[in-house]
Amino acid sequence: MTTLTPGSILLGTTRPAEMRAWYIKVLAPDFTGEGAIDLGGFLLAIDGRDDIEAKNNQPGRNILNFHVDDFDAVEARLSAAGVEWFSVNDNEKGKFGTFADPDGNFLQIIQWK
């Protein structure tokens, strides 16, 4: 049996235009076009929903991780884009930086050791 490979994620929000602009600014500043945002071959689709809360009250339930080769450079680029860091940790497994989108969903950058 073939292992399934993730190809996209659907992010529901009460403010899709604002979230789309934020994700492009922070994660894909060179992206142009309509539809799902291409994050290096993994697609992020953002959908307006009226059956969810405006803020995620359990942001640690799902965390979208980005593996990076140069943590400090990516941290600086994201900070310049306006990211506010929830936490930055360096331990024996790697360096982890956690931040949130405008709806309160957690994302991380990770440089594994």
PDB file of N, CA and C in Angstrom:
ATOM      1  N   MET A   1       0.842  -1.183   0.000  1.00  0.00           N
ATOM      2  CA  MET A   1       0.000   0.000   0.000  1.00  0.00           C
ATOM      3  C   MET A   1       0.883   1.240   0.000  1.00  0.00           C
ATOM      4  N   THR A   2       0.551   2.221  -0.789  1.00  0.00           N
ATOM      5  CA  THR A   2       1.319   3.453  -0.904  1.00  0.00           C
ATOM      6  C   THR A   2       0.991   4.398   0.247  1.00  0.00           C
ATOM      7  N   THR A   3       2.018   4.993   0.814  1.00  0.00           N
ATOM      8  CA  THR A   3       1.823   5.997   1.860  1.00  0.00           C
ATOM      9  C   THR A   3       1.251   7.261   1.242  1.00  0.00           C
ATOM     10  N   LEU A   4       0.232   7.816   1.867  1.00  0.00           N
ATOM     11  CA  LEU A   4      -0.371   9.051   1.377  1.00  0.00           C
ATOM     12  C   LEU A   4       0.565  10.223   1.635  1.00  0.00           C
ATOM     13  N   THR A   5       0.644  11.142   0.691  1.00  0.00           N
ATOM     14  CA  THR A   5       1.482  12.321   0.799  1.00  0.00           C
ATOM     15  C   THR A   5       0.598  13.546   0.922  1.00  0.00           C
ATOM     16  N   PRO A   6       0.780  14.366   1.971  1.00  0.00           N
ATOM     17  CA  PRO A   6      -0.044  15.569   2.091  1.00  0.00           C
ATOM     18  C   PRO A   6       0.221  16.518   0.933  1.00  0.00           C
ATOM     19  N   GLY A   7      -0.833  17.136   0.430  1.00  0.00           N
ATOM     20  CA  GLY A   7      -0.692  18.043  -0.694  1.00  0.00           C
ATOM     21  C   GLY A   7      -1.232  19.432  -0.421  1.00  0.00           C
ATOM     22  N   SER A   8      -2.175  19.517   0.531  1.00  0.00           N
ATOM     23  CA  SER A   8      -2.754  20.821   0.830  1.00  0.00           C
ATOM     24  C   SER A   8      -3.423  20.801   2.193  1.00  0.00           C
ATOM     25  N   ILE A   9      -3.738  21.996   2.668  1.00  0.00           N
ATOM     26  CA  ILE A   9      -4.501  22.157   3.893  1.00  0.00           C
ATOM     27  C   ILE A   9      -5.532  23.246   3.642  1.00  0.00           C
ATOM     28  N   LEU A  10      -6.714  23.069   4.214  1.00  0.00           N
ATOM     29  CA  LEU A  10      -7.780  24.056   4.104  1.00  0.00           C
ATOM     30  C   LEU A  10      -7.883  24.773   5.444  1.00  0.00           C
ATOM     31  N   LEU A  11      -7.755  26.081   5.407  1.00  0.00           N
ATOM     32  CA  LEU A  11      -7.842  26.898   6.610  1.00  0.00           C
ATOM     33  C   LEU A  11      -9.156  27.666   6.572  1.00  0.00           C
ATOM     34  N   GLY A  12     -10.035  27.370   7.506  1.00  0.00           N
ATOM     35  CA  GLY A  12     -11.307  28.071   7.601  1.00  0.00           C
ATOM     36  C   GLY A  12     -11.154  29.311   8.460  1.00  0.00           C
ATOM     37  N   THR A  13     -11.800  30.397   8.057  1.00  0.00           N
ATOM     38  CA  THR A  13     -11.702  31.656   8.779  1.00  0.00           C
ATOM     39  C   THR A  13     -12.956  32.489   8.547  1.00  0.00           C
ATOM     40  N   THR A  14     -13.214  33.409   9.448  1.00  0.00           N
ATOM     41  CA  THR A  14     -14.334  34.327   9.280  1.00  0.00           C
ATOM     42  C   THR A  14     -13.929  35.543   8.456  1.00  0.00           C
ATOM     43  N   ARG A  15     -12.645  35.675   8.148  1.00  0.00           N
ATOM     44  CA  ARG A  15     -12.136  36.816   7.375  1.00  0.00           C
ATOM     45  C   ARG A  15     -11.109  36.360   6.332  1.00  0.00           C
ATOM     46  N   PRO A  16     -11.574  35.729   5.270  1.00  0.00           N
ATOM     47  CA  PRO A  16     -10.673  35.117   4.305  1.00  0.00           C
ATOM     48  C   PRO A  16      -9.745  36.095   3.579  1.00  0.00           C
ATOM     49  N   ALA A  17     -10.211  37.273   3.219  1.00  0.00           N
ATOM     50  CA  ALA A  17      -9.348  38.218   2.490  1.00  0.00           C
ATOM     51  C   ALA A  17      -8.173  38.662   3.358  1.00  0.00           C
ATOM     52  N   GLU A  18      -8.438  38.979   4.626  1.00  0.00           N
ATOM     53  CA  GLU A  18      -7.376  39.403   5.541  1.00  0.00           C
ATOM     54  C   GLU A  18      -6.383  38.274   5.787  1.00  0.00           C
ATOM     55  N   MET A  19      -6.895  37.074   5.987  1.00  0.00           N
ATOM     56  CA  MET A  19      -6.005  35.937   6.244  1.00  0.00           C
ATOM     57  C   MET A  19      -5.159  35.621   5.017  1.00  0.00           C
ATOM     58  N   ARG A  20      -5.750  35.673   3.845  1.00  0.00           N
ATOM     59  CA  ARG A  20      -4.999  35.416   2.617  1.00  0.00           C
ATOM     60  C   ARG A  20      -3.862  36.421   2.473  1.00  0.00           C
ATOM     61  N   ALA A  21      -4.170  37.693   2.700  1.00  0.00           N
ATOM     62  CA  ALA A  21      -3.138  38.732   2.595  1.00  0.00           C
ATOM     63  C   ALA A  21      -2.027  38.493   3.610  1.00  0.00           C
ATOM     64  N   TRP A  22      -2.391  38.103   4.833  1.00  0.00           N
ATOM     65  CA  TRP A  22      -1.383  37.849   5.867  1.00  0.00           C
ATOM     66  C   TRP A  22      -0.486  36.677   5.478  1.00  0.00           C
ATOM     67  N   TYR A  23      -1.081  35.582   5.041  1.00  0.00           N
ATOM     68  CA  TYR A  23      -0.289  34.404   4.688  1.00  0.00           C
ATOM     69  C   TYR A  23       0.632  34.673   3.501  1.00  0.00           C
ATOM     70  N   ILE A  24       0.171  35.429   2.534  1.00  0.00           N
ATOM     71  CA  ILE A  24       1.042  35.770   1.408  1.00  0.00           C
ATOM     72  C   ILE A  24       2.182  36.664   1.891  1.00  0.00           C
ATOM     73  N   LYS A  25       1.872  37.681   2.673  1.00  0.00           N
ATOM     74  CA  LYS A  25       2.906  38.598   3.178  1.00  0.00           C
ATOM     75  C   LYS A  25       3.963  37.864   3.985  1.00  0.00           C
ATOM     76  N   VAL A  26       3.524  36.990   4.875  1.00  0.00           N
ATOM     77  CA  VAL A  26       4.440  36.343   5.816  1.00  0.00           C
ATOM     78  C   VAL A  26       5.132  35.125   5.211  1.00  0.00           C
ATOM     79  N   LEU A  27       4.404  34.266   4.516  1.00  0.00           N
ATOM     80  CA  LEU A  27       4.969  32.996   4.086  1.00  0.00           C
ATOM     81  C   LEU A  27       5.329  32.911   2.605  1.00  0.00           C
ATOM     82  N   ALA A  28       4.675  33.699   1.772  1.00  0.00           N
ATOM     83  CA  ALA A  28       4.888  33.555   0.323  1.00  0.00           C
ATOM     84  C   ALA A  28       4.870  34.915  -0.370  1.00  0.00           C
ATOM     85  N   PRO A  29       5.797  35.807  -0.011  1.00  0.00           N
ATOM     86  CA  PRO A  29       5.744  37.172  -0.553  1.00  0.00           C
ATOM     87  C   PRO A  29       5.881  37.263  -2.071  1.00  0.00           C
ATOM     88  N   ASP A  30       6.410  36.248  -2.710  1.00  0.00           N
ATOM     89  CA  ASP A  30       6.547  36.254  -4.167  1.00  0.00           C
ATOM     90  C   ASP A  30       5.346  35.627  -4.872  1.00  0.00           C
ATOM     91  N   PHE A  31       4.375  35.115  -4.120  1.00  0.00           N
ATOM     92  CA  PHE A  31       3.218  34.454  -4.718  1.00  0.00           C
ATOM     93  C   PHE A  31       2.314  35.473  -5.396  1.00  0.00           C
ATOM     94  N   THR A  32       1.881  35.138  -6.584  1.00  0.00           N
ATOM     95  CA  THR A  32       0.873  35.923  -7.289  1.00  0.00           C
ATOM     96  C   THR A  32      -0.176  34.950  -7.802  1.00  0.00           C
ATOM     97  N   GLY A  33      -1.332  35.448  -8.028  1.00  0.00           N
ATOM     98  CA  GLY A  33      -2.366  34.594  -8.584  1.00  0.00           C
ATOM     99  C   GLY A  33      -3.521  34.389  -7.637  1.00  0.00           C
ATOM    100  N   GLU A  34      -4.454  33.614  -8.100  1.00  0.00           N
ATOM    101  CA  GLU A  34      -5.667  33.315  -7.348  1.00  0.00           C
ATOM    102  C   GLU A  34      -5.593  31.888  -6.822  1.00  0.00           C
ATOM    103  N   GLY A  35      -6.583  31.519  -6.048  1.00  0.00           N
ATOM    104  CA  GLY A  35      -6.669  30.148  -5.563  1.00  0.00           C
ATOM    105  C   GLY A  35      -5.723  29.876  -4.421  1.00  0.00           C
ATOM    106  N   ALA A  36      -5.422  28.612  -4.243  1.00  0.00           N
ATOM    107  CA  ALA A  36      -4.572  28.172  -3.134  1.00  0.00           C
ATOM    108  C   ALA A  36      -3.185  28.789  -3.247  1.00  0.00           C
ATOM    109  N   ILE A  37      -2.602  29.100  -2.103  1.00  0.00           N
ATOM    110  CA  ILE A  37      -1.254  29.679  -2.035  1.00  0.00           C
ATOM    111  C   ILE A  37      -0.252  28.539  -2.055  1.00  0.00           C
ATOM    112  N   ASP A  38       0.681  28.589  -2.970  1.00  0.00           N
ATOM    113  CA  ASP A  38       1.693  27.544  -3.113  1.00  0.00           C
ATOM    114  C   ASP A  38       2.831  27.811  -2.137  1.00  0.00           C
ATOM    115  N   LEU A  39       2.989  26.901  -1.185  1.00  0.00           N
ATOM    116  CA  LEU A  39       4.069  26.989  -0.197  1.00  0.00           C
ATOM    117  C   LEU A  39       5.097  25.908  -0.521  1.00  0.00           C
ATOM    118  N   GLY A  40       5.782  26.069  -1.628  1.00  0.00           N
ATOM    119  CA  GLY A  40       6.798  25.108  -2.025  1.00  0.00           C
ATOM    120  C   GLY A  40       6.253  23.749  -2.418  1.00  0.00           C
ATOM    121  N   GLY A  41       5.114  23.729  -3.090  1.00  0.00           N
ATOM    122  CA  GLY A  41       4.516  22.472  -3.518  1.00  0.00           C
ATOM    123  C   GLY A  41       3.417  21.974  -2.596  1.00  0.00           C
ATOM    124  N   PHE A  42       3.292  22.559  -1.426  1.00  0.00           N
ATOM    125  CA  PHE A  42       2.207  22.265  -0.490  1.00  0.00           C
ATOM    126  C   PHE A  42       1.245  23.439  -0.579  1.00  0.00           C
ATOM    127  N   LEU A  43      -0.020  23.176  -0.831  1.00  0.00           N
ATOM    128  CA  LEU A  43      -0.978  24.242  -1.077  1.00  0.00           C
ATOM    129  C   LEU A  43      -1.768  24.614   0.173  1.00  0.00           C
ATOM    130  N   LEU A  44      -1.947  25.916   0.375  1.00  0.00           N
ATOM    131  CA  LEU A  44      -2.755  26.449   1.464  1.00  0.00           C
ATOM    132  C   LEU A  44      -3.990  27.094   0.858  1.00  0.00           C
ATOM    133  N   ALA A  45      -5.152  26.493   1.114  1.00  0.00           N
ATOM    134  CA  ALA A  45      -6.426  27.040   0.661  1.00  0.00           C
ATOM    135  C   ALA A  45      -7.088  27.727   1.850  1.00  0.00           C
ATOM    136  N   ILE A  46      -7.600  28.918   1.636  1.00  0.00           N
ATOM    137  CA  ILE A  46      -8.252  29.682   2.698  1.00  0.00           C
ATOM    138  C   ILE A  46      -9.707  29.868   2.304  1.00  0.00           C
ATOM    139  N   ASP A  47     -10.612  29.508   3.221  1.00  0.00           N
ATOM    140  CA  ASP A  47     -12.038  29.511   2.926  1.00  0.00           C
ATOM    141  C   ASP A  47     -12.792  30.289   3.986  1.00  0.00           C
ATOM    142  N   GLY A  48     -13.684  31.165   3.556  1.00  0.00           N
ATOM    143  CA  GLY A  48     -14.556  31.878   4.480  1.00  0.00           C
ATOM    144  C   GLY A  48     -15.618  30.946   5.034  1.00  0.00           C
ATOM    145  N   ARG A  49     -15.776  30.997   6.357  1.00  0.00           N
ATOM    146  CA  ARG A  49     -16.740  30.107   7.020  1.00  0.00           C
ATOM    147  C   ARG A  49     -17.566  30.921   8.013  1.00  0.00           C
ATOM    148  N   ASP A  50     -18.841  30.562   8.168  1.00  0.00           N
ATOM    149  CA  ASP A  50     -19.680  31.213   9.165  1.00  0.00           C
ATOM    150  C   ASP A  50     -20.075  30.260  10.290  1.00  0.00           C
ATOM    151  N   ASP A  51     -19.451  29.077  10.305  1.00  0.00           N
ATOM    152  CA  ASP A  51     -19.769  28.082  11.334  1.00  0.00           C
ATOM    153  C   ASP A  51     -18.620  27.904  12.330  1.00  0.00           C
ATOM    154  N   ILE A  52     -17.695  28.870  12.382  1.00  0.00           N
ATOM    155  CA  ILE A  52     -16.557  28.798  13.298  1.00  0.00           C
ATOM    156  C   ILE A  52     -16.423  30.125  14.044  1.00  0.00           C
ATOM    157  N   GLU A  53     -15.671  30.088  15.132  1.00  0.00           N
ATOM    158  CA  GLU A  53     -15.379  31.301  15.893  1.00  0.00           C
ATOM    159  C   GLU A  53     -14.309  32.116  15.171  1.00  0.00           C
ATOM    160  N   ALA A  54     -14.278  33.408  15.426  1.00  0.00           N
ATOM    161  CA  ALA A  54     -13.283  34.281  14.793  1.00  0.00           C
ATOM    162  C   ALA A  54     -11.869  33.957  15.262  1.00  0.00           C
ATOM    163  N   LYS A  55     -11.711  33.558  16.506  1.00  0.00           N
ATOM    164  CA  LYS A  55     -10.402  33.201  17.066  1.00  0.00           C
ATOM    165  C   LYS A  55     -10.381  31.724  17.437  1.00  0.00           C
ATOM    166  N   ASN A  56      -9.236  31.107  17.204  1.00  0.00           N
ATOM    167  CA  ASN A  56      -9.038  29.700  17.571  1.00  0.00           C
ATOM    168  C   ASN A  56      -8.753  29.639  19.065  1.00  0.00           C
ATOM    169  N   ASN A  57      -9.622  29.013  19.833  1.00  0.00           N
ATOM    170  CA  ASN A  57      -9.414  28.942  21.282  1.00  0.00           C
ATOM    171  C   ASN A  57      -8.572  27.740  21.705  1.00  0.00           C
ATOM    172  N   GLN A  58      -8.112  26.933  20.766  1.00  0.00           N
ATOM    173  CA  GLN A  58      -7.208  25.818  21.047  1.00  0.00           C
ATOM    174  C   GLN A  58      -6.095  25.787  19.992  1.00  0.00           C
ATOM    175  N   PRO A  59      -5.241  26.814  19.963  1.00  0.00           N
ATOM    176  CA  PRO A  59      -4.264  26.929  18.879  1.00  0.00           C
ATOM    177  C   PRO A  59      -3.200  25.846  18.853  1.00  0.00           C
ATOM    178  N   GLY A  60      -3.001  25.141  19.941  1.00  0.00           N
ATOM    179  CA  GLY A  60      -2.010  24.073  19.961  1.00  0.00           C
ATOM    180  C   GLY A  60      -2.517  22.747  19.425  1.00  0.00           C
ATOM    181  N   ARG A  61      -3.790  22.676  19.093  1.00  0.00           N
ATOM    182  CA  ARG A  61      -4.359  21.418  18.608  1.00  0.00           C
ATOM    183  C   ARG A  61      -3.733  20.994  17.277  1.00  0.00           C
ATOM    184  N   ASN A  62      -3.534  21.922  16.373  1.00  0.00           N
ATOM    185  CA  ASN A  62      -2.873  21.671  15.085  1.00  0.00           C
ATOM    186  C   ASN A  62      -1.843  22.773  14.871  1.00  0.00           C
ATOM    187  N   ILE A  63      -0.631  22.402  14.542  1.00  0.00           N
ATOM    188  CA  ILE A  63       0.418  23.383  14.290  1.00  0.00           C
ATOM    189  C   ILE A  63       1.041  23.063  12.939  1.00  0.00           C
ATOM    190  N   LEU A  64       1.049  24.059  12.059  1.00  0.00           N
ATOM    191  CA  LEU A  64       1.657  23.905  10.746  1.00  0.00           C
ATOM    192  C   LEU A  64       3.154  24.202  10.878  1.00  0.00           C
ATOM    193  N   ASN A  65       3.987  23.208  10.576  1.00  0.00           N
ATOM    194  CA  ASN A  65       5.435  23.327  10.751  1.00  0.00           C
ATOM    195  C   ASN A  65       6.142  23.552   9.424  1.00  0.00           C
ATOM    196  N   PHE A  66       7.158  24.387   9.466  1.00  0.00           N
ATOM    197  CA  PHE A  66       8.022  24.645   8.321  1.00  0.00           C
ATOM    198  C   PHE A  66       9.446  24.316   8.732  1.00  0.00           C
ATOM    199  N   HIS A  67      10.073  23.384   8.034  1.00  0.00           N
ATOM    200  CA  HIS A  67      11.450  22.999   8.318  1.00  0.00           C
ATOM    201  C   HIS A  67      12.365  23.947   7.562  1.00  0.00           C
ATOM    202  N   VAL A  68      13.331  24.525   8.265  1.00  0.00           N
ATOM    203  CA  VAL A  68      14.219  25.522   7.665  1.00  0.00           C
ATOM    204  C   VAL A  68      15.671  25.119   7.880  1.00  0.00           C
ATOM    205  N   ASP A  69      16.551  25.615   7.002  1.00  0.00           N
ATOM    206  CA  ASP A  69      17.982  25.353   7.113  1.00  0.00           C
ATOM    207  C   ASP A  69      18.706  26.431   7.897  1.00  0.00           C
ATOM    208  N   ASP A  70      18.168  27.655   7.913  1.00  0.00           N
ATOM    209  CA  ASP A  70      18.800  28.773   8.613  1.00  0.00           C
ATOM    210  C   ASP A  70      17.744  29.465   9.470  1.00  0.00           C
ATOM    211  N   PHE A  71      17.589  28.975  10.693  1.00  0.00           N
ATOM    212  CA  PHE A  71      16.548  29.462  11.589  1.00  0.00           C
ATOM    213  C   PHE A  71      16.637  30.969  11.772  1.00  0.00           C
ATOM    214  N   ASP A  72      17.835  31.463  12.067  1.00  0.00           N
ATOM    215  CA  ASP A  72      17.986  32.885  12.382  1.00  0.00           C
ATOM    216  C   ASP A  72      17.575  33.775  11.212  1.00  0.00           C
ATOM    217  N   ALA A  73      17.930  33.386   9.991  1.00  0.00           N
ATOM    218  CA  ALA A  73      17.560  34.175   8.815  1.00  0.00           C
ATOM    219  C   ALA A  73      16.047  34.175   8.607  1.00  0.00           C
ATOM    220  N   VAL A  74      15.419  33.022   8.770  1.00  0.00           N
ATOM    221  CA  VAL A  74      13.963  32.939   8.587  1.00  0.00           C
ATOM    222  C   VAL A  74      13.258  33.686   9.717  1.00  0.00           C
ATOM    223  N   GLU A  75      13.746  33.557  10.930  1.00  0.00           N
ATOM    224  CA  GLU A  75      13.162  34.291  12.059  1.00  0.00           C
ATOM    225  C   GLU A  75      13.215  35.797  11.802  1.00  0.00           C
ATOM    226  N   ALA A  76      14.342  36.285  11.301  1.00  0.00           N
ATOM    227  CA  ALA A  76      14.486  37.717  11.018  1.00  0.00           C
ATOM    228  C   ALA A  76      13.527  38.151   9.909  1.00  0.00           C
ATOM    229  N   ARG A  77      13.400  37.340   8.860  1.00  0.00           N
ATOM    230  CA  ARG A  77      12.500  37.673   7.752  1.00  0.00           C
ATOM    231  C   ARG A  77      11.049  37.715   8.213  1.00  0.00           C
ATOM    232  N   LEU A  78      10.656  36.732   9.025  1.00  0.00           N
ATOM    233  CA  LEU A  78       9.280  36.700   9.530  1.00  0.00           C
ATOM    234  C   LEU A  78       9.016  37.852  10.491  1.00  0.00           C
ATOM    235  N   SER A  79       9.985  38.179  11.327  1.00  0.00           N
ATOM    236  CA  SER A  79       9.830  39.318  12.246  1.00  0.00           C
ATOM    237  C   SER A  79       9.655  40.610  11.455  1.00  0.00           C
ATOM    238  N   ALA A  80      10.436  40.775  10.385  1.00  0.00           N
ATOM    239  CA  ALA A  80      10.315  41.965   9.543  1.00  0.00           C
ATOM    240  C   ALA A  80       8.942  42.044   8.874  1.00  0.00           C
ATOM    241  N   ALA A  81       8.306  40.894   8.651  1.00  0.00           N
ATOM    242  CA  ALA A  81       6.964  40.844   8.058  1.00  0.00           C
ATOM    243  C   ALA A  81       5.872  41.070   9.099  1.00  0.00           C
ATOM    244  N   GLY A  82       6.255  41.226  10.367  1.00  0.00           N
ATOM    245  CA  GLY A  82       5.278  41.528  11.405  1.00  0.00           C
ATOM    246  C   GLY A  82       4.882  40.391  12.310  1.00  0.00           C
ATOM    247  N   VAL A  83       5.548  39.237  12.187  1.00  0.00           N
ATOM    248  CA  VAL A  83       5.219  38.100  13.045  1.00  0.00           C
ATOM    249  C   VAL A  83       5.564  38.424  14.496  1.00  0.00           C
ATOM    250  N   GLU A  84       4.661  38.074  15.396  1.00  0.00           N
ATOM    251  CA  GLU A  84       4.926  38.169  16.831  1.00  0.00           C
ATOM    252  C   GLU A  84       5.134  36.756  17.345  1.00  0.00           C
ATOM    253  N   TRP A  85       6.276  36.530  17.959  1.00  0.00           N
ATOM    254  CA  TRP A  85       6.660  35.181  18.391  1.00  0.00           C
ATOM    255  C   TRP A  85       5.987  34.825  19.698  1.00  0.00           C
ATOM    256  N   PHE A  86       5.394  33.655  19.721  1.00  0.00           N
ATOM    257  CA  PHE A  86       4.802  33.094  20.929  1.00  0.00           C
ATOM    258  C   PHE A  86       5.912  32.503  21.794  1.00  0.00           C
ATOM    259  N   SER A  87       6.838  31.790  21.144  1.00  0.00           N
ATOM    260  CA  SER A  87       7.996  31.235  21.854  1.00  0.00           C
ATOM    261  C   SER A  87       9.082  30.887  20.851  1.00  0.00           C
ATOM    262  N   VAL A  88      10.326  30.933  21.320  1.00  0.00           N
ATOM    263  CA  VAL A  88      11.487  30.459  20.569  1.00  0.00           C
ATOM    264  C   VAL A  88      12.294  29.608  21.537  1.00  0.00           C
ATOM    265  N   ASN A  89      12.538  28.358  21.138  1.00  0.00           N
ATOM    266  CA  ASN A  89      13.257  27.421  22.005  1.00  0.00           C
ATOM    267  C   ASN A  89      14.370  26.744  21.233  1.00  0.00           C
ATOM    268  N   ASP A  90      15.504  26.575  21.897  1.00  0.00           N
ATOM    269  CA  ASP A  90      16.638  25.853  21.326  1.00  0.00           C
ATOM    270  C   ASP A  90      16.937  24.716  22.295  1.00  0.00           C
ATOM    271  N   ASN A  91      16.818  23.489  21.816  1.00  0.00           N
ATOM    272  CA  ASN A  91      17.098  22.352  22.687  1.00  0.00           C
ATOM    273  C   ASN A  91      17.910  21.311  21.927  1.00  0.00           C
ATOM    274  N   GLU A  92      18.076  20.144  22.502  1.00  0.00           N
ATOM    275  CA  GLU A  92      18.923  19.109  21.890  1.00  0.00           C
ATOM    276  C   GLU A  92      18.377  18.580  20.573  1.00  0.00           C
ATOM    277  N   LYS A  93      17.084  18.767  20.312  1.00  0.00           N
ATOM    278  CA  LYS A  93      16.480  18.278  19.064  1.00  0.00           C
ATOM    279  C   LYS A  93      16.525  19.312  17.941  1.00  0.00           C
ATOM    280  N   GLY A  94      16.574  20.581  18.309  1.00  0.00           N
ATOM    281  CA  GLY A  94      16.586  21.622  17.299  1.00  0.00           C
ATOM    282  C   GLY A  94      16.140  22.958  17.856  1.00  0.00           C
ATOM    283  N   LYS A  95      15.950  23.892  16.954  1.00  0.00           N
ATOM    284  CA  LYS A  95      15.488  25.229  17.323  1.00  0.00           C
ATOM    285  C   LYS A  95      14.067  25.386  16.788  1.00  0.00           C
ATOM    286  N   PHE A  96      13.155  25.833  17.648  1.00  0.00           N
ATOM    287  CA  PHE A  96      11.735  25.917  17.341  1.00  0.00           C
ATOM    288  C   PHE A  96      11.239  27.329  17.604  1.00  0.00           C
ATOM    289  N   GLY A  97      10.534  27.893  16.657  1.00  0.00           N
ATOM    290  CA  GLY A  97       9.917  29.196  16.841  1.00  0.00           C
ATOM    291  C   GLY A  97       8.436  29.094  16.533  1.00  0.00           C
ATOM    292  N   THR A  98       7.612  29.492  17.495  1.00  0.00           N
ATOM    293  CA  THR A  98       6.162  29.395  17.345  1.00  0.00           C
ATOM    294  C   THR A  98       5.562  30.791  17.269  1.00  0.00           C
ATOM    295  N   PHE A  99       4.687  30.985  16.275  1.00  0.00           N
ATOM    296  CA  PHE A  99       3.993  32.252  16.106  1.00  0.00           C
ATOM    297  C   PHE A  99       2.551  31.961  15.723  1.00  0.00           C
ATOM    298  N   ALA A 100       1.726  32.991  15.693  1.00  0.00           N
ATOM    299  CA  ALA A 100       0.311  32.785  15.404  1.00  0.00           C
ATOM    300  C   ALA A 100      -0.130  33.685  14.257  1.00  0.00           C
ATOM    301  N   ASP A 101      -1.120  33.205  13.506  1.00  0.00           N
ATOM    302  CA  ASP A 101      -1.732  34.034  12.470  1.00  0.00           C
ATOM    303  C   ASP A 101      -2.800  34.923  13.123  1.00  0.00           C
ATOM    304  N   PRO A 102      -3.431  35.816  12.376  1.00  0.00           N
ATOM    305  CA  PRO A 102      -4.427  36.709  12.983  1.00  0.00           C
ATOM    306  C   PRO A 102      -5.620  36.021  13.641  1.00  0.00           C
ATOM    307  N   ASP A 103      -5.917  34.772  13.272  1.00  0.00           N
ATOM    308  CA  ASP A 103      -6.995  34.026  13.920  1.00  0.00           C
ATOM    309  C   ASP A 103      -6.523  33.263  15.150  1.00  0.00           C
ATOM    310  N   GLY A 104      -5.226  33.305  15.428  1.00  0.00           N
ATOM    311  CA  GLY A 104      -4.688  32.614  16.590  1.00  0.00           C
ATOM    312  C   GLY A 104      -4.193  31.208  16.320  1.00  0.00           C
ATOM    313  N   ASN A 105      -4.155  30.769  15.071  1.00  0.00           N
ATOM    314  CA  ASN A 105      -3.638  29.444  14.731  1.00  0.00           C
ATOM    315  C   ASN A 105      -2.119  29.455  14.836  1.00  0.00           C
ATOM    316  N   PHE A 106      -1.561  28.422  15.461  1.00  0.00           N
ATOM    317  CA  PHE A 106      -0.108  28.345  15.613  1.00  0.00           C
ATOM    318  C   PHE A 106       0.570  27.826  14.366  1.00  0.00           C
ATOM    319  N   LEU A 107       1.751  28.363  14.100  1.00  0.00           N
ATOM    320  CA  LEU A 107       2.661  27.901  13.066  1.00  0.00           C
ATOM    321  C   LEU A 107       4.041  27.833  13.707  1.00  0.00           C
ATOM    322  N   GLN A 108       4.925  27.022  13.152  1.00  0.00           N
ATOM    323  CA  GLN A 108       6.286  26.910  13.688  1.00  0.00           C
ATOM    324  C   GLN A 108       7.286  26.867  12.561  1.00  0.00           C
ATOM    325  N   ILE A 109       8.465  27.422  12.857  1.00  0.00           N
ATOM    326  CA  ILE A 109       9.630  27.132  12.039  1.00  0.00           C
ATOM    327  C   ILE A 109      10.526  26.246  12.890  1.00  0.00           C
ATOM    328  N   ILE A 110      11.147  25.270  12.252  1.00  0.00           N
ATOM    329  CA  ILE A 110      11.993  24.301  12.962  1.00  0.00           C
ATOM    330  C   ILE A 110      13.265  24.095  12.182  1.00  0.00           C
ATOM    331  N   GLN A 111      14.386  24.204  12.891  1.00  0.00           N
ATOM    332  CA  GLN A 111      15.668  23.776  12.321  1.00  0.00           C
ATOM    333  C   GLN A 111      16.130  22.606  13.171  1.00  0.00           C
ATOM    334  N   TRP A 112      16.019  21.401  12.586  1.00  0.00           N
ATOM    335  CA  TRP A 112      16.398  20.178  13.299  1.00  0.00           C
ATOM    336  C   TRP A 112      17.922  20.090  13.410  1.00  0.00           C
ATOM    337  N   LYS A 113      18.382  19.525  14.513  1.00  0.00           N
ATOM    338  CA  LYS A 113      19.822  19.291  14.684  1.00  0.00           C
ATOM    339  C   LYS A 113      20.168  17.917  14.212  1.00  0.00           C
TER     340      LYS A 113
END
